[in-house]
N, C-alpha and C. Protein backbone atom coordinates (compact mmCIF):
# COMPACT_ATOMS: atom_id res chain seq x y z
N MET A 1 -55.43 240.13 82.00
CA MET A 1 -54.77 240.17 80.72
C MET A 1 -55.70 239.56 79.68
N ALA A 2 -56.09 240.34 78.71
CA ALA A 2 -56.99 239.87 77.66
C ALA A 2 -56.22 239.08 76.62
N VAL A 3 -56.79 237.96 76.22
CA VAL A 3 -56.18 237.10 75.20
C VAL A 3 -57.14 237.03 74.03
N ASN A 4 -56.60 237.22 72.84
CA ASN A 4 -57.42 237.09 71.64
C ASN A 4 -57.78 235.62 71.47
N LEU A 5 -59.03 235.29 71.72
CA LEU A 5 -59.47 233.90 71.66
C LEU A 5 -59.55 233.38 70.24
N ALA A 6 -59.59 234.27 69.27
CA ALA A 6 -59.74 233.85 67.88
C ALA A 6 -58.50 233.10 67.37
N ASN A 7 -57.36 233.36 67.92
CA ASN A 7 -56.16 232.69 67.42
C ASN A 7 -55.49 231.80 68.46
N LYS A 8 -56.28 231.26 69.37
CA LYS A 8 -55.73 230.36 70.39
C LYS A 8 -55.07 229.15 69.74
N ASP A 9 -55.69 228.61 68.69
CA ASP A 9 -55.11 227.45 68.03
C ASP A 9 -53.75 227.77 67.42
N GLN A 10 -53.62 228.95 66.82
CA GLN A 10 -52.34 229.35 66.22
C GLN A 10 -51.27 229.55 67.29
N ARG A 11 -51.66 230.16 68.39
CA ARG A 11 -50.70 230.39 69.48
C ARG A 11 -50.27 229.07 70.10
N ALA A 12 -51.22 228.14 70.26
CA ALA A 12 -50.88 226.82 70.81
C ALA A 12 -49.94 226.08 69.87
N ARG A 13 -50.22 226.14 68.56
CA ARG A 13 -49.32 225.50 67.59
C ARG A 13 -47.94 226.12 67.64
N GLY A 14 -47.91 227.44 67.80
CA GLY A 14 -46.63 228.13 67.91
C GLY A 14 -45.82 227.63 69.09
N LEU A 15 -46.49 227.47 70.24
CA LEU A 15 -45.79 226.95 71.42
C LEU A 15 -45.30 225.52 71.19
N LEU A 16 -46.17 224.68 70.65
CA LEU A 16 -45.82 223.28 70.45
C LEU A 16 -44.70 223.10 69.43
N ASN A 17 -44.54 224.07 68.54
CA ASN A 17 -43.46 224.01 67.56
C ASN A 17 -42.22 224.77 67.99
N ASP A 18 -42.30 225.46 69.11
CA ASP A 18 -41.17 226.24 69.62
C ASP A 18 -40.16 225.31 70.28
N ASP A 19 -38.94 225.33 69.80
CA ASP A 19 -37.90 224.42 70.32
C ASP A 19 -37.64 224.64 71.81
N PHE A 20 -37.63 225.89 72.25
CA PHE A 20 -37.39 226.17 73.66
C PHE A 20 -38.51 225.59 74.52
N PHE A 21 -39.76 225.83 74.14
CA PHE A 21 -40.90 225.31 74.89
C PHE A 21 -40.86 223.79 74.94
N LYS A 22 -40.62 223.16 73.78
CA LYS A 22 -40.57 221.69 73.73
C LYS A 22 -39.46 221.15 74.62
N SER A 23 -38.29 221.75 74.56
CA SER A 23 -37.18 221.23 75.35
C SER A 23 -37.42 221.41 76.85
N GLU A 24 -38.03 222.52 77.23
CA GLU A 24 -38.32 222.74 78.65
C GLU A 24 -39.40 221.79 79.16
N MET A 25 -40.42 221.54 78.36
CA MET A 25 -41.45 220.58 78.75
C MET A 25 -40.84 219.18 78.87
N ASP A 26 -39.99 218.81 77.92
CA ASP A 26 -39.31 217.52 77.98
C ASP A 26 -38.43 217.43 79.22
N PHE A 27 -37.71 218.52 79.52
CA PHE A 27 -36.85 218.55 80.70
C PHE A 27 -37.67 218.36 81.98
N LEU A 28 -38.79 219.09 82.09
CA LEU A 28 -39.64 218.97 83.28
C LEU A 28 -40.15 217.54 83.46
N GLU A 29 -40.59 216.95 82.35
CA GLU A 29 -41.11 215.59 82.42
C GLU A 29 -39.99 214.60 82.79
N GLN A 30 -38.84 214.74 82.15
CA GLN A 30 -37.73 213.83 82.43
C GLN A 30 -37.23 213.99 83.86
N SER A 31 -37.25 215.20 84.40
CA SER A 31 -36.77 215.39 85.78
C SER A 31 -37.66 214.65 86.77
N GLN A 32 -38.96 214.56 86.48
CA GLN A 32 -39.86 213.81 87.35
C GLN A 32 -39.62 212.30 87.22
N ILE A 33 -39.36 211.86 85.99
CA ILE A 33 -39.04 210.44 85.78
C ILE A 33 -37.76 210.09 86.52
N ASP A 34 -36.78 210.99 86.47
CA ASP A 34 -35.51 210.75 87.17
C ASP A 34 -35.73 210.62 88.67
N ILE A 35 -36.61 211.42 89.22
CA ILE A 35 -36.90 211.32 90.66
C ILE A 35 -37.47 209.95 90.98
N ILE A 36 -38.38 209.47 90.13
CA ILE A 36 -38.99 208.15 90.35
C ILE A 36 -37.93 207.07 90.26
N VAL A 37 -37.13 207.11 89.21
CA VAL A 37 -36.13 206.06 88.96
C VAL A 37 -35.04 206.05 90.01
N ASN A 38 -34.64 207.22 90.47
CA ASN A 38 -33.50 207.31 91.39
C ASN A 38 -33.89 207.38 92.86
N SER A 39 -35.17 207.17 93.16
CA SER A 39 -35.59 207.23 94.56
C SER A 39 -35.24 205.94 95.28
N ALA A 40 -35.07 206.09 96.56
CA ALA A 40 -34.80 204.93 97.42
C ALA A 40 -36.12 204.20 97.69
N PRO A 41 -36.05 202.93 98.04
CA PRO A 41 -37.27 202.16 98.29
C PRO A 41 -38.22 202.80 99.30
N HIS A 42 -37.69 203.47 100.30
CA HIS A 42 -38.53 204.06 101.34
C HIS A 42 -39.11 205.42 100.95
N GLU A 43 -38.78 205.95 99.78
CA GLU A 43 -39.23 207.28 99.36
C GLU A 43 -40.49 207.22 98.49
N SER A 44 -41.47 206.51 98.97
CA SER A 44 -42.69 206.33 98.19
C SER A 44 -43.45 207.64 98.01
N GLU A 45 -43.45 208.51 99.01
CA GLU A 45 -44.15 209.78 98.87
C GLU A 45 -43.52 210.64 97.78
N GLU A 46 -42.20 210.63 97.69
CA GLU A 46 -41.51 211.40 96.66
C GLU A 46 -41.84 210.85 95.27
N ARG A 47 -41.89 209.52 95.16
CA ARG A 47 -42.25 208.90 93.87
C ARG A 47 -43.68 209.25 93.47
N GLU A 48 -44.59 209.19 94.43
CA GLU A 48 -45.98 209.51 94.14
C GLU A 48 -46.13 210.97 93.71
N GLU A 49 -45.44 211.88 94.37
CA GLU A 49 -45.49 213.30 94.01
C GLU A 49 -44.90 213.50 92.61
N ALA A 50 -43.79 212.86 92.32
CA ALA A 50 -43.16 212.97 91.00
C ALA A 50 -44.09 212.41 89.93
N TYR A 51 -44.76 211.32 90.23
CA TYR A 51 -45.72 210.74 89.29
C TYR A 51 -46.87 211.70 89.02
N ARG A 52 -47.39 212.33 90.07
CA ARG A 52 -48.47 213.31 89.90
C ARG A 52 -48.00 214.50 89.08
N MET A 53 -46.79 214.93 89.33
CA MET A 53 -46.24 216.06 88.57
C MET A 53 -46.08 215.69 87.10
N GLN A 54 -45.60 214.48 86.84
CA GLN A 54 -45.44 214.03 85.46
C GLN A 54 -46.80 213.98 84.76
N LEU A 55 -47.82 213.51 85.43
CA LEU A 55 -49.17 213.49 84.85
C LEU A 55 -49.66 214.91 84.57
N ALA A 56 -49.37 215.83 85.46
CA ALA A 56 -49.78 217.22 85.25
C ALA A 56 -49.08 217.81 84.03
N ILE A 57 -47.82 217.52 83.86
CA ILE A 57 -47.08 217.99 82.70
C ILE A 57 -47.68 217.41 81.42
N LYS A 58 -48.01 216.13 81.44
CA LYS A 58 -48.65 215.50 80.28
C LYS A 58 -50.00 216.14 79.97
N LYS A 59 -50.76 216.48 81.01
CA LYS A 59 -52.06 217.12 80.80
C LYS A 59 -51.90 218.52 80.22
N ILE A 60 -50.90 219.24 80.67
CA ILE A 60 -50.65 220.57 80.12
C ILE A 60 -50.30 220.47 78.64
N ARG A 61 -49.41 219.53 78.31
CA ARG A 61 -49.03 219.34 76.91
C ARG A 61 -50.25 218.95 76.08
N ALA A 62 -51.07 218.03 76.60
CA ALA A 62 -52.27 217.59 75.89
C ALA A 62 -53.26 218.73 75.70
N HIS A 63 -53.34 219.61 76.68
CA HIS A 63 -54.22 220.77 76.57
C HIS A 63 -53.81 221.64 75.38
N PHE A 64 -52.52 221.93 75.26
CA PHE A 64 -52.05 222.74 74.15
C PHE A 64 -52.24 222.01 72.81
N GLN A 65 -52.06 220.70 72.80
CA GLN A 65 -52.28 219.93 71.58
C GLN A 65 -53.76 220.00 71.18
N SER A 66 -54.63 219.95 72.15
CA SER A 66 -56.06 220.05 71.88
C SER A 66 -56.41 221.43 71.33
N LEU A 67 -55.87 222.48 71.94
CA LEU A 67 -56.11 223.83 71.43
C LEU A 67 -55.61 223.97 70.00
N ALA A 68 -54.45 223.41 69.73
CA ALA A 68 -53.86 223.51 68.39
C ALA A 68 -54.71 222.80 67.35
N ALA A 69 -55.40 221.76 67.75
CA ALA A 69 -56.19 220.96 66.81
C ALA A 69 -57.62 221.49 66.65
N ASP A 70 -58.04 222.42 67.48
CA ASP A 70 -59.43 222.89 67.46
C ASP A 70 -59.88 223.38 66.09
N SER A 71 -59.09 224.21 65.43
CA SER A 71 -59.55 224.76 64.15
C SER A 71 -59.65 223.69 63.08
N GLU A 72 -58.73 222.73 63.10
CA GLU A 72 -58.79 221.63 62.12
C GLU A 72 -60.01 220.76 62.36
N ILE A 73 -60.30 220.51 63.60
CA ILE A 73 -61.49 219.71 63.95
C ILE A 73 -62.74 220.44 63.51
N GLU A 74 -62.78 221.76 63.74
CA GLU A 74 -63.94 222.56 63.36
C GLU A 74 -64.13 222.54 61.83
N LYS A 75 -63.06 222.66 61.08
CA LYS A 75 -63.15 222.63 59.62
C LYS A 75 -63.70 221.30 59.14
N LYS A 76 -63.18 220.22 59.68
CA LYS A 76 -63.62 218.88 59.28
C LYS A 76 -65.06 218.61 59.70
N ARG A 77 -65.46 219.17 60.81
CA ARG A 77 -66.84 218.96 61.28
C ARG A 77 -67.82 219.54 60.28
N TRP A 78 -67.53 220.68 59.74
CA TRP A 78 -68.44 221.31 58.76
C TRP A 78 -68.44 220.57 57.44
N LYS A 79 -67.35 219.90 57.08
CA LYS A 79 -67.32 219.11 55.86
C LYS A 79 -68.22 217.89 55.98
N ILE A 80 -68.28 217.32 57.16
CA ILE A 80 -69.10 216.13 57.40
C ILE A 80 -70.57 216.47 57.31
N LEU A 81 -70.95 217.63 57.83
CA LEU A 81 -72.35 218.04 57.81
C LEU A 81 -72.72 218.38 56.39
């Protein structure tokens, strides 16, 4: 599937501003936190997996935030030069 790379920043901003996308990302992150908080003392493997999943969700969100900021960073970089 070919993706127009020229507007990746616009598409990323669109996702980050989309209420459905935001709520689903928040839900996924909160569900992992709930697993950690509600686990029994002996369920350390489940907590560790939930923690890794939460980190992955944060990295995905950060990736889209980085893509969204790329064009602004590029514009400012040329102003500095």
